[in-house]
C-alpha cells in the first residue's frame, strides 16, 4: 500500500498548469509541486463500474504499481490518473500496462 503522504488529496486534483499524457484507457495529468517527492491520485468514475469494490480494487492496483516501481521518488510532481469513459472492468491488465507506459518517463 502506498503511504498516505504520497497520495494526493482530492481537493488538489484541480490545478492551474498541467501537462497531459493520454492513452487509450486513461489520462495522466501532471502539475508541479514544491515537495521533494511526488504525490498521486486516481479517479475512477461510476461509468467504469457501479460497484465501489471494483473501482477501489483498480485504484489499489494502480497505487501498488506506483509503490513497487518507486515512481513517487521523483521530486516535485502532482500526478492524477483518470480512467476514461467506456473502459470496462475486463480491461484491468491493459490499464496497468498503460499506466506503466505513461508514468515511465516522469
PDB file of N, CA and C in Angstrom:
ATOM      1  N   UNK A   1       0.847  -1.177   0.000  1.00  0.00           N
ATOM      2  CA  UNK A   1       0.000   0.000   0.000  1.00  0.00           C
ATOM      3  C   UNK A   1       0.889   1.235   0.000  1.00  0.00           C
ATOM      4  N   UNK A   2       0.544   2.186  -0.804  1.00  0.00           N
ATOM      5  CA  UNK A   2       1.284   3.441  -0.900  1.00  0.00           C
ATOM      6  C   UNK A   2       1.026   4.277   0.348  1.00  0.00           C
ATOM      7  N   UNK A   3       2.072   4.855   0.919  1.00  0.00           N
ATOM      8  CA  UNK A   3       1.945   5.653   2.136  1.00  0.00           C
ATOM      9  C   UNK A   3       1.057   6.872   1.894  1.00  0.00           C
ATOM     10  N   UNK A   4       0.394   7.319   2.934  1.00  0.00           N
ATOM     11  CA  UNK A   4      -0.566   8.406   2.820  1.00  0.00           C
ATOM     12  C   UNK A   4       0.068   9.703   2.334  1.00  0.00           C
ATOM     13  N   UNK A   5       1.312   9.961   2.706  1.00  0.00           N
ATOM     14  CA  UNK A   5       1.933  11.219   2.300  1.00  0.00           C
ATOM     15  C   UNK A   5       2.167  11.282   0.789  1.00  0.00           C
ATOM     16  N   UNK A   6       2.147  10.144   0.099  1.00  0.00           N
ATOM     17  CA  UNK A   6       2.323  10.112  -1.344  1.00  0.00           C
ATOM     18  C   UNK A   6       1.000  10.163  -2.094  1.00  0.00           C
ATOM     19  N   UNK A   7      -0.110  10.195  -1.382  1.00  0.00           N
ATOM     20  CA  UNK A   7      -1.421  10.282  -2.019  1.00  0.00           C
ATOM     21  C   UNK A   7      -1.861  11.739  -2.066  1.00  0.00           C
ATOM     22  N   UNK A   8      -2.344  12.130  -3.202  1.00  0.00           N
ATOM     23  CA  UNK A   8      -2.779  13.498  -3.429  1.00  0.00           C
ATOM     24  C   UNK A   8      -4.186  13.675  -2.877  1.00  0.00           C
ATOM     25  N   UNK A   9      -4.438  14.694  -2.032  1.00  0.00           N
ATOM     26  CA  UNK A   9      -5.798  14.913  -1.548  1.00  0.00           C
ATOM     27  C   UNK A   9      -6.710  15.329  -2.695  1.00  0.00           C
ATOM     28  N   UNK A  10      -7.963  14.919  -2.622  1.00  0.00           N
ATOM     29  CA  UNK A  10      -8.886  15.182  -3.721  1.00  0.00           C
ATOM     30  C   UNK A  10      -9.099  16.673  -3.963  1.00  0.00           C
ATOM     31  N   UNK A  11      -8.878  17.508  -2.959  1.00  0.00           N
ATOM     32  CA  UNK A  11      -9.011  18.949  -3.146  1.00  0.00           C
ATOM     33  C   UNK A  11      -7.913  19.497  -4.061  1.00  0.00           C
ATOM     34  N   UNK A  12      -6.833  18.760  -4.232  1.00  0.00           N
ATOM     35  CA  UNK A  12      -5.712  19.204  -5.072  1.00  0.00           C
ATOM     36  C   UNK A  12      -5.776  18.651  -6.490  1.00  0.00           C
ATOM     37  N   UNK A  13      -6.840  17.956  -6.834  1.00  0.00           N
ATOM     38  CA  UNK A  13      -6.928  17.365  -8.167  1.00  0.00           C
ATOM     39  C   UNK A  13      -7.013  18.441  -9.250  1.00  0.00           C
ATOM     40  N   UNK A  14      -7.526  19.590  -8.906  1.00  0.00           N
ATOM     41  CA  UNK A  14      -7.632  20.678  -9.882  1.00  0.00           C
ATOM     42  C   UNK A  14      -6.472  21.634  -9.680  1.00  0.00           C
ATOM     43  N   UNK A  15      -5.702  21.840 -10.715  1.00  0.00           N
ATOM     44  CA  UNK A  15      -4.547  22.732 -10.635  1.00  0.00           C
ATOM     45  C   UNK A  15      -4.522  23.658 -11.833  1.00  0.00           C
ATOM     46  N   UNK A  16      -3.608  24.576 -11.847  1.00  0.00           N
ATOM     47  CA  UNK A  16      -3.570  25.548 -12.934  1.00  0.00           C
ATOM     48  C   UNK A  16      -2.739  25.045 -14.115  1.00  0.00           C
ATOM     49  N   UNK A  17      -1.441  24.892 -13.948  1.00  0.00           N
ATOM     50  CA  UNK A  17      -0.607  24.477 -15.071  1.00  0.00           C
ATOM     51  C   UNK A  17      -0.435  22.963 -15.046  1.00  0.00           C
ATOM     52  N   UNK A  18      -0.828  22.330 -16.129  1.00  0.00           N
ATOM     53  CA  UNK A  18      -0.771  20.875 -16.195  1.00  0.00           C
ATOM     54  C   UNK A  18      -0.197  20.419 -17.522  1.00  0.00           C
ATOM     55  N   UNK A  19       0.398  19.275 -17.487  1.00  0.00           N
ATOM     56  CA  UNK A  19       0.842  18.587 -18.675  1.00  0.00           C
ATOM     57  C   UNK A  19       0.000  17.325 -18.775  1.00  0.00           C
ATOM     58  N   UNK A  20      -0.595  17.089 -19.921  1.00  0.00           N
ATOM     59  CA  UNK A  20      -1.458  15.935 -20.095  1.00  0.00           C
ATOM     60  C   UNK A  20      -0.748  14.870 -20.908  1.00  0.00           C
ATOM     61  N   UNK A  21      -0.890  13.642 -20.483  1.00  0.00           N
ATOM     62  CA  UNK A  21      -0.474  12.483 -21.262  1.00  0.00           C
ATOM     63  C   UNK A  21      -1.697  11.600 -21.373  1.00  0.00           C
ATOM     64  N   UNK A  22      -2.014  11.220 -22.584  1.00  0.00           N
ATOM     65  CA  UNK A  22      -3.238  10.472 -22.788  1.00  0.00           C
ATOM     66  C   UNK A  22      -2.945   9.164 -23.504  1.00  0.00           C
ATOM     67  N   UNK A  23      -3.723   8.167 -23.157  1.00  0.00           N
ATOM     68  CA  UNK A  23      -3.627   6.859 -23.776  1.00  0.00           C
ATOM     69  C   UNK A  23      -5.013   6.367 -24.141  1.00  0.00           C
ATOM     70  N   UNK A  24      -5.106   5.102 -24.462  1.00  0.00           N
ATOM     71  CA  UNK A  24      -6.384   4.520 -24.872  1.00  0.00           C
ATOM     72  C   UNK A  24      -7.358   4.393 -23.699  1.00  0.00           C
ATOM     73  N   UNK A  25      -6.838   4.044 -22.523  1.00  0.00           N
ATOM     74  CA  UNK A  25      -7.691   3.775 -21.376  1.00  0.00           C
ATOM     75  C   UNK A  25      -7.709   4.880 -20.331  1.00  0.00           C
ATOM     76  N   UNK A  26      -6.685   5.734 -20.316  1.00  0.00           N
ATOM     77  CA  UNK A  26      -6.600   6.707 -19.229  1.00  0.00           C
ATOM     78  C   UNK A  26      -5.865   7.961 -19.657  1.00  0.00           C
ATOM     79  N   UNK A  27      -5.995   8.979 -18.811  1.00  0.00           N
ATOM     80  CA  UNK A  27      -5.295  10.249 -18.976  1.00  0.00           C
ATOM     81  C   UNK A  27      -4.504  10.503 -17.708  1.00  0.00           C
ATOM     82  N   UNK A  28      -3.285  11.002 -17.859  1.00  0.00           N
ATOM     83  CA  UNK A  28      -2.446  11.345 -16.726  1.00  0.00           C
ATOM     84  C   UNK A  28      -2.225  12.853 -16.758  1.00  0.00           C
ATOM     85  N   UNK A  29      -2.590  13.528 -15.662  1.00  0.00           N
ATOM     86  CA  UNK A  29      -2.396  14.970 -15.529  1.00  0.00           C
ATOM     87  C   UNK A  29      -1.236  15.212 -14.585  1.00  0.00           C
ATOM     88  N   UNK A  30      -0.279  16.005 -15.036  1.00  0.00           N
ATOM     89  CA  UNK A  30       0.903  16.310 -14.237  1.00  0.00           C
ATOM     90  C   UNK A  30       0.922  17.796 -13.917  1.00  0.00           C
ATOM     91  N   UNK A  31       1.253  18.130 -12.701  1.00  0.00           N
ATOM     92  CA  UNK A  31       1.465  19.524 -12.321  1.00  0.00           C
ATOM     93  C   UNK A  31       2.641  19.590 -11.361  1.00  0.00           C
ATOM     94  N   UNK A  32       3.236  20.756 -11.257  1.00  0.00           N
ATOM     95  CA  UNK A  32       4.411  20.924 -10.407  1.00  0.00           C
ATOM     96  C   UNK A  32       4.018  21.063  -8.946  1.00  0.00           C
ATOM     97  N   UNK A  33       4.948  20.652  -8.083  1.00  0.00           N
ATOM     98  CA  UNK A  33       4.746  20.727  -6.648  1.00  0.00           C
ATOM     99  C   UNK A  33       6.072  21.119  -6.002  1.00  0.00           C
ATOM    100  N   UNK A  34       6.041  21.881  -4.915  1.00  0.00           N
ATOM    101  CA  UNK A  34       7.298  22.260  -4.262  1.00  0.00           C
ATOM    102  C   UNK A  34       7.882  21.165  -3.360  1.00  0.00           C
ATOM    103  N   UNK A  35       7.223  20.035  -3.256  1.00  0.00           N
ATOM    104  CA  UNK A  35       7.666  18.963  -2.362  1.00  0.00           C
ATOM    105  C   UNK A  35       8.847  18.198  -2.948  1.00  0.00           C
ATOM    106  N   UNK A  36       9.534  17.460  -2.116  1.00  0.00           N
ATOM    107  CA  UNK A  36      10.691  16.673  -2.534  1.00  0.00           C
ATOM    108  C   UNK A  36      10.312  15.285  -3.034  1.00  0.00           C
ATOM    109  N   UNK A  37       9.035  15.008  -3.120  1.00  0.00           N
ATOM    110  CA  UNK A  37       8.536  13.730  -3.615  1.00  0.00           C
ATOM    111  C   UNK A  37       7.277  13.997  -4.422  1.00  0.00           C
ATOM    112  N   UNK A  38       6.830  13.012  -5.156  1.00  0.00           N
ATOM    113  CA  UNK A  38       5.617  13.143  -5.964  1.00  0.00           C
ATOM    114  C   UNK A  38       4.418  12.593  -5.200  1.00  0.00           C
ATOM    115  N   UNK A  39       3.251  13.159  -5.506  1.00  0.00           N
ATOM    116  CA  UNK A  39       2.000  12.662  -4.921  1.00  0.00           C
ATOM    117  C   UNK A  39       1.077  12.223  -6.053  1.00  0.00           C
ATOM    118  N   UNK A  40       0.259  11.213  -5.777  1.00  0.00           N
ATOM    119  CA  UNK A  40      -0.567  10.600  -6.805  1.00  0.00           C
ATOM    120  C   UNK A  40      -2.023  10.532  -6.371  1.00  0.00           C
ATOM    121  N   UNK A  41      -2.911  10.672  -7.349  1.00  0.00           N
ATOM    122  CA  UNK A  41      -4.336  10.487  -7.139  1.00  0.00           C
ATOM    123  C   UNK A  41      -4.896   9.692  -8.303  1.00  0.00           C
ATOM    124  N   UNK A  42      -5.935   8.918  -8.051  1.00  0.00           N
ATOM    125  CA  UNK A  42      -6.558   8.100  -9.090  1.00  0.00           C
ATOM    126  C   UNK A  42      -8.058   8.376  -9.070  1.00  0.00           C
ATOM    127  N   UNK A  43      -8.627   8.617 -10.263  1.00  0.00           N
ATOM    128  CA  UNK A  43     -10.059   8.870 -10.401  1.00  0.00           C
ATOM    129  C   UNK A  43     -10.661   7.765 -11.254  1.00  0.00           C
ATOM    130  N   UNK A  44     -11.627   7.046 -10.688  1.00  0.00           N
ATOM    131  CA  UNK A  44     -12.358   6.009 -11.407  1.00  0.00           C
ATOM    132  C   UNK A  44     -13.836   6.332 -11.253  1.00  0.00           C
ATOM    133  N   UNK A  45     -14.507   6.628 -12.355  1.00  0.00           N
ATOM    134  CA  UNK A  45     -15.898   7.069 -12.267  1.00  0.00           C
ATOM    135  C   UNK A  45     -16.861   5.895 -12.149  1.00  0.00           C
ATOM    136  N   UNK A  46     -18.103   6.234 -11.865  1.00  0.00           N
ATOM    137  CA  UNK A  46     -19.162   5.230 -11.786  1.00  0.00           C
ATOM    138  C   UNK A  46     -19.400   4.539 -13.123  1.00  0.00           C
ATOM    139  N   UNK A  47     -19.009   5.181 -14.210  1.00  0.00           N
ATOM    140  CA  UNK A  47     -19.210   4.587 -15.529  1.00  0.00           C
ATOM    141  C   UNK A  47     -18.278   3.401 -15.752  1.00  0.00           C
ATOM    142  N   UNK A  48     -17.192   3.316 -14.988  1.00  0.00           N
ATOM    143  CA  UNK A  48     -16.312   2.162 -15.064  1.00  0.00           C
ATOM    144  C   UNK A  48     -17.028   0.933 -14.520  1.00  0.00           C
ATOM    145  N   UNK A  49     -17.587   1.064 -13.332  1.00  0.00           N
ATOM    146  CA  UNK A  49     -18.380   0.002 -12.718  1.00  0.00           C
ATOM    147  C   UNK A  49     -19.198   0.621 -11.595  1.00  0.00           C
ATOM    148  N   UNK A  50     -20.415   0.177 -11.419  1.00  0.00           N
ATOM    149  CA  UNK A  50     -21.287   0.734 -10.387  1.00  0.00           C
ATOM    150  C   UNK A  50     -20.856   0.328  -8.983  1.00  0.00           C
ATOM    151  N   UNK A  51     -20.144  -0.788  -8.873  1.00  0.00           N
ATOM    152  CA  UNK A  51     -19.756  -1.301  -7.558  1.00  0.00           C
ATOM    153  C   UNK A  51     -18.478  -0.625  -7.061  1.00  0.00           C
ATOM    154  N   UNK A  52     -18.546  -0.093  -5.867  1.00  0.00           N
ATOM    155  CA  UNK A  52     -17.399   0.596  -5.282  1.00  0.00           C
ATOM    156  C   UNK A  52     -16.222  -0.346  -5.075  1.00  0.00           C
ATOM    157  N   UNK A  53     -16.498  -1.601  -4.762  1.00  0.00           N
ATOM    158  CA  UNK A  53     -15.407  -2.542  -4.514  1.00  0.00           C
ATOM    159  C   UNK A  53     -14.556  -2.748  -5.763  1.00  0.00           C
ATOM    160  N   UNK A  54     -15.192  -2.764  -6.914  1.00  0.00           N
ATOM    161  CA  UNK A  54     -14.463  -2.950  -8.175  1.00  0.00           C
ATOM    162  C   UNK A  54     -13.621  -1.718  -8.483  1.00  0.00           C
ATOM    163  N   UNK A  55     -14.205  -0.536  -8.278  1.00  0.00           N
ATOM    164  CA  UNK A  55     -13.473   0.710  -8.539  1.00  0.00           C
ATOM    165  C   UNK A  55     -12.284   0.856  -7.589  1.00  0.00           C
ATOM    166  N   UNK A  56     -12.482   0.550  -6.320  1.00  0.00           N
ATOM    167  CA  UNK A  56     -11.407   0.668  -5.338  1.00  0.00           C
ATOM    168  C   UNK A  56     -10.308  -0.366  -5.563  1.00  0.00           C
ATOM    169  N   UNK A  57     -10.672  -1.541  -6.060  1.00  0.00           N
ATOM    170  CA  UNK A  57      -9.660  -2.551  -6.367  1.00  0.00           C
ATOM    171  C   UNK A  57      -8.723  -2.046  -7.468  1.00  0.00           C
ATOM    172  N   UNK A  58      -9.286  -1.402  -8.488  1.00  0.00           N
ATOM    173  CA  UNK A  58      -8.458  -0.850  -9.552  1.00  0.00           C
ATOM    174  C   UNK A  58      -7.551   0.259  -9.014  1.00  0.00           C
ATOM    175  N   UNK A  59      -8.093   1.109  -8.148  1.00  0.00           N
ATOM    176  CA  UNK A  59      -7.274   2.160  -7.535  1.00  0.00           C
ATOM    177  C   UNK A  59      -6.126   1.556  -6.747  1.00  0.00           C
ATOM    178  N   UNK A  60      -6.408   0.535  -5.962  1.00  0.00           N
ATOM    179  CA  UNK A  60      -5.369  -0.111  -5.167  1.00  0.00           C
ATOM    180  C   UNK A  60      -4.292  -0.735  -6.042  1.00  0.00           C
ATOM    181  N   UNK A  61      -4.702  -1.331  -7.166  1.00  0.00           N
ATOM    182  CA  UNK A  61      -3.727  -1.921  -8.078  1.00  0.00           C
ATOM    183  C   UNK A  61      -2.812  -0.860  -8.683  1.00  0.00           C
ATOM    184  N   UNK A  62      -3.375   0.287  -9.037  1.00  0.00           N
ATOM    185  CA  UNK A  62      -2.567   1.369  -9.594  1.00  0.00           C
ATOM    186  C   UNK A  62      -1.615   1.918  -8.542  1.00  0.00           C
ATOM    187  N   UNK A  63      -2.107   2.144  -7.317  1.00  0.00           N
ATOM    188  CA  UNK A  63      -1.237   2.618  -6.238  1.00  0.00           C
ATOM    189  C   UNK A  63      -0.144   1.596  -5.915  1.00  0.00           C
ATOM    190  N   UNK A  64      -0.472   0.322  -5.970  1.00  0.00           N
ATOM    191  CA  UNK A  64       0.515  -0.711  -5.703  1.00  0.00           C
ATOM    192  C   UNK A  64       1.599  -0.717  -6.782  1.00  0.00           C
ATOM    193  N   UNK A  65       1.209  -0.516  -8.033  1.00  0.00           N
ATOM    194  CA  UNK A  65       2.191  -0.423  -9.114  1.00  0.00           C
ATOM    195  C   UNK A  65       3.135   0.756  -8.873  1.00  0.00           C
ATOM    196  N   UNK A  66       2.589   1.892  -8.471  1.00  0.00           N
ATOM    197  CA  UNK A  66       3.393   3.085  -8.189  1.00  0.00           C
ATOM    198  C   UNK A  66       4.363   2.813  -7.048  1.00  0.00           C
ATOM    199  N   UNK A  67       3.911   2.104  -6.027  1.00  0.00           N
ATOM    200  CA  UNK A  67       4.773   1.794  -4.883  1.00  0.00           C
ATOM    201  C   UNK A  67       5.903   0.849  -5.287  1.00  0.00           C
ATOM    202  N   UNK A  68       5.572  -0.196  -6.047  1.00  0.00           N
ATOM    203  CA  UNK A  68       6.590  -1.177  -6.428  1.00  0.00           C
ATOM    204  C   UNK A  68       7.664  -0.572  -7.324  1.00  0.00           C
ATOM    205  N   UNK A  69       7.266   0.279  -8.234  1.00  0.00           N
ATOM    206  CA  UNK A  69       8.225   0.891  -9.160  1.00  0.00           C
ATOM    207  C   UNK A  69       8.914   2.117  -8.567  1.00  0.00           C
ATOM    208  N   UNK A  70       8.492   2.532  -7.375  1.00  0.00           N
ATOM    209  CA  UNK A  70       9.042   3.684  -6.663  1.00  0.00           C
ATOM    210  C   UNK A  70       9.010   4.951  -7.509  1.00  0.00           C
ATOM    211  N   UNK A  71       7.922   5.146  -8.201  1.00  0.00           N
ATOM    212  CA  UNK A  71       7.742   6.329  -9.031  1.00  0.00           C
ATOM    213  C   UNK A  71       7.590   7.572  -8.164  1.00  0.00           C
ATOM    214  N   UNK A  72       7.123   7.412  -6.942  1.00  0.00           N
ATOM    215  CA  UNK A  72       6.897   8.545  -6.043  1.00  0.00           C
ATOM    216  C   UNK A  72       8.194   9.231  -5.633  1.00  0.00           C
ATOM    217  N   UNK A  73       9.323   8.627  -5.880  1.00  0.00           N
ATOM    218  CA  UNK A  73      10.608   9.224  -5.504  1.00  0.00           C
ATOM    219  C   UNK A  73      11.009  10.382  -6.420  1.00  0.00           C
ATOM    220  N   UNK A  74      10.405  10.497  -7.586  1.00  0.00           N
ATOM    221  CA  UNK A  74      10.684  11.627  -8.477  1.00  0.00           C
ATOM    222  C   UNK A  74      10.195  12.906  -7.806  1.00  0.00           C
ATOM    223  N   UNK A  75      11.030  13.932  -7.716  1.00  0.00           N
ATOM    224  CA  UNK A  75      10.657  15.122  -6.942  1.00  0.00           C
ATOM    225  C   UNK A  75       9.697  16.057  -7.671  1.00  0.00           C
ATOM    226  N   UNK A  76       8.810  16.658  -6.881  1.00  0.00           N
ATOM    227  CA  UNK A  76       8.043  17.810  -7.314  1.00  0.00           C
ATOM    228  C   UNK A  76       6.960  17.628  -8.344  1.00  0.00           C
ATOM    229  N   UNK A  77       6.187  16.567  -8.276  1.00  0.00           N
ATOM    230  CA  UNK A  77       5.071  16.366  -9.211  1.00  0.00           C
ATOM    231  C   UNK A  77       3.810  15.992  -8.445  1.00  0.00           C
ATOM    232  N   UNK A  78       2.697  16.505  -8.947  1.00  0.00           N
ATOM    233  CA  UNK A  78       1.387  16.025  -8.540  1.00  0.00           C
ATOM    234  C   UNK A  78       0.806  15.320  -9.753  1.00  0.00           C
ATOM    235  N   UNK A  79       0.447  14.065  -9.601  1.00  0.00           N
ATOM    236  CA  UNK A  79       0.000  13.251 -10.719  1.00  0.00           C
ATOM    237  C   UNK A  79      -1.404  12.745 -10.432  1.00  0.00           C
ATOM    238  N   UNK A  80      -2.318  12.966 -11.393  1.00  0.00           N
ATOM    239  CA  UNK A  80      -3.682  12.452 -11.285  1.00  0.00           C
ATOM    240  C   UNK A  80      -3.922  11.521 -12.467  1.00  0.00           C
ATOM    241  N   UNK A  81      -4.290  10.273 -12.179  1.00  0.00           N
ATOM    242  CA  UNK A  81      -4.600   9.282 -13.201  1.00  0.00           C
ATOM    243  C   UNK A  81      -6.123   9.207 -13.299  1.00  0.00           C
ATOM    244  N   UNK A  82      -6.668   9.462 -14.499  1.00  0.00           N
ATOM    245  CA  UNK A  82      -8.115   9.458 -14.714  1.00  0.00           C
ATOM    246  C   UNK A  82      -8.450   8.356 -15.708  1.00  0.00           C
ATOM    247  N   UNK A  83      -9.295   7.422 -15.270  1.00  0.00           N
ATOM    248  CA  UNK A  83      -9.741   6.341 -16.151  1.00  0.00           C
ATOM    249  C   UNK A  83     -10.815   6.910 -17.072  1.00  0.00           C
ATOM    250  N   UNK A  84     -10.685   6.666 -18.369  1.00  0.00           N
ATOM    251  CA  UNK A  84     -11.604   7.230 -19.359  1.00  0.00           C
ATOM    252  C   UNK A  84     -12.952   6.513 -19.373  1.00  0.00           C
ATOM    253  N   UNK A  85     -13.927   7.166 -19.973  1.00  0.00           N
ATOM    254  CA  UNK A  85     -15.259   6.576 -20.148  1.00  0.00           C
ATOM    255  C   UNK A  85     -15.180   5.395 -21.112  1.00  0.00           C
ATOM    256  N   UNK A  86     -16.053   4.447 -20.932  1.00  0.00           N
ATOM    257  CA  UNK A  86     -16.137   3.325 -21.849  1.00  0.00           C
ATOM    258  C   UNK A  86     -15.167   2.192 -21.568  1.00  0.00           C
ATOM    259  N   UNK A  87     -14.328   2.337 -20.574  1.00  0.00           N
ATOM    260  CA  UNK A  87     -13.401   1.265 -20.202  1.00  0.00           C
ATOM    261  C   UNK A  87     -14.152   0.302 -19.304  1.00  0.00           C
ATOM    262  N   UNK A  88     -14.047  -0.985 -19.593  1.00  0.00           N
ATOM    263  CA  UNK A  88     -14.758  -1.970 -18.788  1.00  0.00           C
ATOM    264  C   UNK A  88     -13.812  -2.621 -17.789  1.00  0.00           C
ATOM    265  N   UNK A  89     -14.381  -3.298 -16.825  1.00  0.00           N
ATOM    266  CA  UNK A  89     -13.568  -3.933 -15.788  1.00  0.00           C
ATOM    267  C   UNK A  89     -12.768  -5.116 -16.330  1.00  0.00           C
ATOM    268  N   UNK A  90     -13.055  -5.576 -17.538  1.00  0.00           N
ATOM    269  CA  UNK A  90     -12.268  -6.663 -18.133  1.00  0.00           C
ATOM    270  C   UNK A  90     -10.935  -6.166 -18.679  1.00  0.00           C
ATOM    271  N   UNK A  91     -10.750  -4.848 -18.749  1.00  0.00           N
ATOM    272  CA  UNK A  91      -9.525  -4.263 -19.304  1.00  0.00           C
ATOM    273  C   UNK A  91      -8.462  -3.955 -18.246  1.00  0.00           C
ATOM    274  N   UNK A  92      -8.583  -4.497 -17.035  1.00  0.00           N
ATOM    275  CA  UNK A  92      -7.668  -4.146 -15.947  1.00  0.00           C
ATOM    276  C   UNK A  92      -6.193  -4.401 -16.259  1.00  0.00           C
ATOM    277  N   UNK A  93      -5.793  -5.552 -16.797  1.00  0.00           N
ATOM    278  CA  UNK A  93      -4.356  -5.733 -17.099  1.00  0.00           C
ATOM    279  C   UNK A  93      -3.839  -4.718 -18.124  1.00  0.00           C
ATOM    280  N   UNK A  94      -4.664  -4.382 -19.092  1.00  0.00           N
ATOM    281  CA  UNK A  94      -4.259  -3.397 -20.096  1.00  0.00           C
ATOM    282  C   UNK A  94      -4.144  -2.006 -19.482  1.00  0.00           C
ATOM    283  N   UNK A  95      -4.982  -1.715 -18.514  1.00  0.00           N
ATOM    284  CA  UNK A  95      -4.927  -0.416 -17.833  1.00  0.00           C
ATOM    285  C   UNK A  95      -3.620  -0.286 -17.061  1.00  0.00           C
ATOM    286  N   UNK A  96      -3.242  -1.328 -16.326  1.00  0.00           N
ATOM    287  CA  UNK A  96      -1.997  -1.301 -15.558  1.00  0.00           C
ATOM    288  C   UNK A  96      -0.800  -1.172 -16.494  1.00  0.00           C
ATOM    289  N   UNK A  97      -0.843  -1.853 -17.630  1.00  0.00           N
ATOM    290  CA  UNK A  97       0.247  -1.747 -18.601  1.00  0.00           C
ATOM    291  C   UNK A  97       0.350  -0.322 -19.149  1.00  0.00           C
ATOM    292  N   UNK A  98      -0.788   0.304 -19.404  1.00  0.00           N
ATOM    293  CA  UNK A  98      -0.785   1.677 -19.916  1.00  0.00           C
ATOM    294  C   UNK A  98      -0.305   2.669 -18.858  1.00  0.00           C
ATOM    295  N   UNK A  99      -0.655   2.422 -17.604  1.00  0.00           N
ATOM    296  CA  UNK A  99      -0.142   3.272 -16.516  1.00  0.00           C
ATOM    297  C   UNK A  99       1.381   3.214 -16.500  1.00  0.00           C
ATOM    298  N   UNK A 100       1.934   2.019 -16.670  1.00  0.00           N
ATOM    299  CA  UNK A 100       3.393   1.891 -16.668  1.00  0.00           C
ATOM    300  C   UNK A 100       4.018   2.652 -17.828  1.00  0.00           C
ATOM    301  N   UNK A 101       3.378   2.624 -18.988  1.00  0.00           N
ATOM    302  CA  UNK A 101       3.919   3.352 -20.141  1.00  0.00           C
ATOM    303  C   UNK A 101       3.866   4.865 -19.933  1.00  0.00           C
ATOM    304  N   UNK A 102       2.750   5.361 -19.418  1.00  0.00           N
ATOM    305  CA  UNK A 102       2.577   6.806 -19.294  1.00  0.00           C
ATOM    306  C   UNK A 102       3.381   7.381 -18.124  1.00  0.00           C
ATOM    307  N   UNK A 103       3.606   6.586 -17.088  1.00  0.00           N
ATOM    308  CA  UNK A 103       4.346   7.085 -15.932  1.00  0.00           C
ATOM    309  C   UNK A 103       5.839   6.769 -15.983  1.00  0.00           C
ATOM    310  N   UNK A 104       6.266   6.042 -16.979  1.00  0.00           N
ATOM    311  CA  UNK A 104       7.667   5.630 -17.034  1.00  0.00           C
ATOM    312  C   UNK A 104       8.621   6.802 -17.228  1.00  0.00           C
ATOM    313  N   UNK A 105       8.184   7.864 -17.848  1.00  0.00           N
ATOM    314  CA  UNK A 105       9.070   8.990 -18.151  1.00  0.00           C
ATOM    315  C   UNK A 105       8.916  10.154 -17.202  1.00  0.00           C
ATOM    316  N   UNK A 106       8.464   9.924 -15.988  1.00  0.00           N
ATOM    317  CA  UNK A 106       8.362  11.010 -15.020  1.00  0.00           C
ATOM    318  C   UNK A 106       9.746  11.462 -14.664  1.00  0.00           C
TER     319      UNK A 106
END
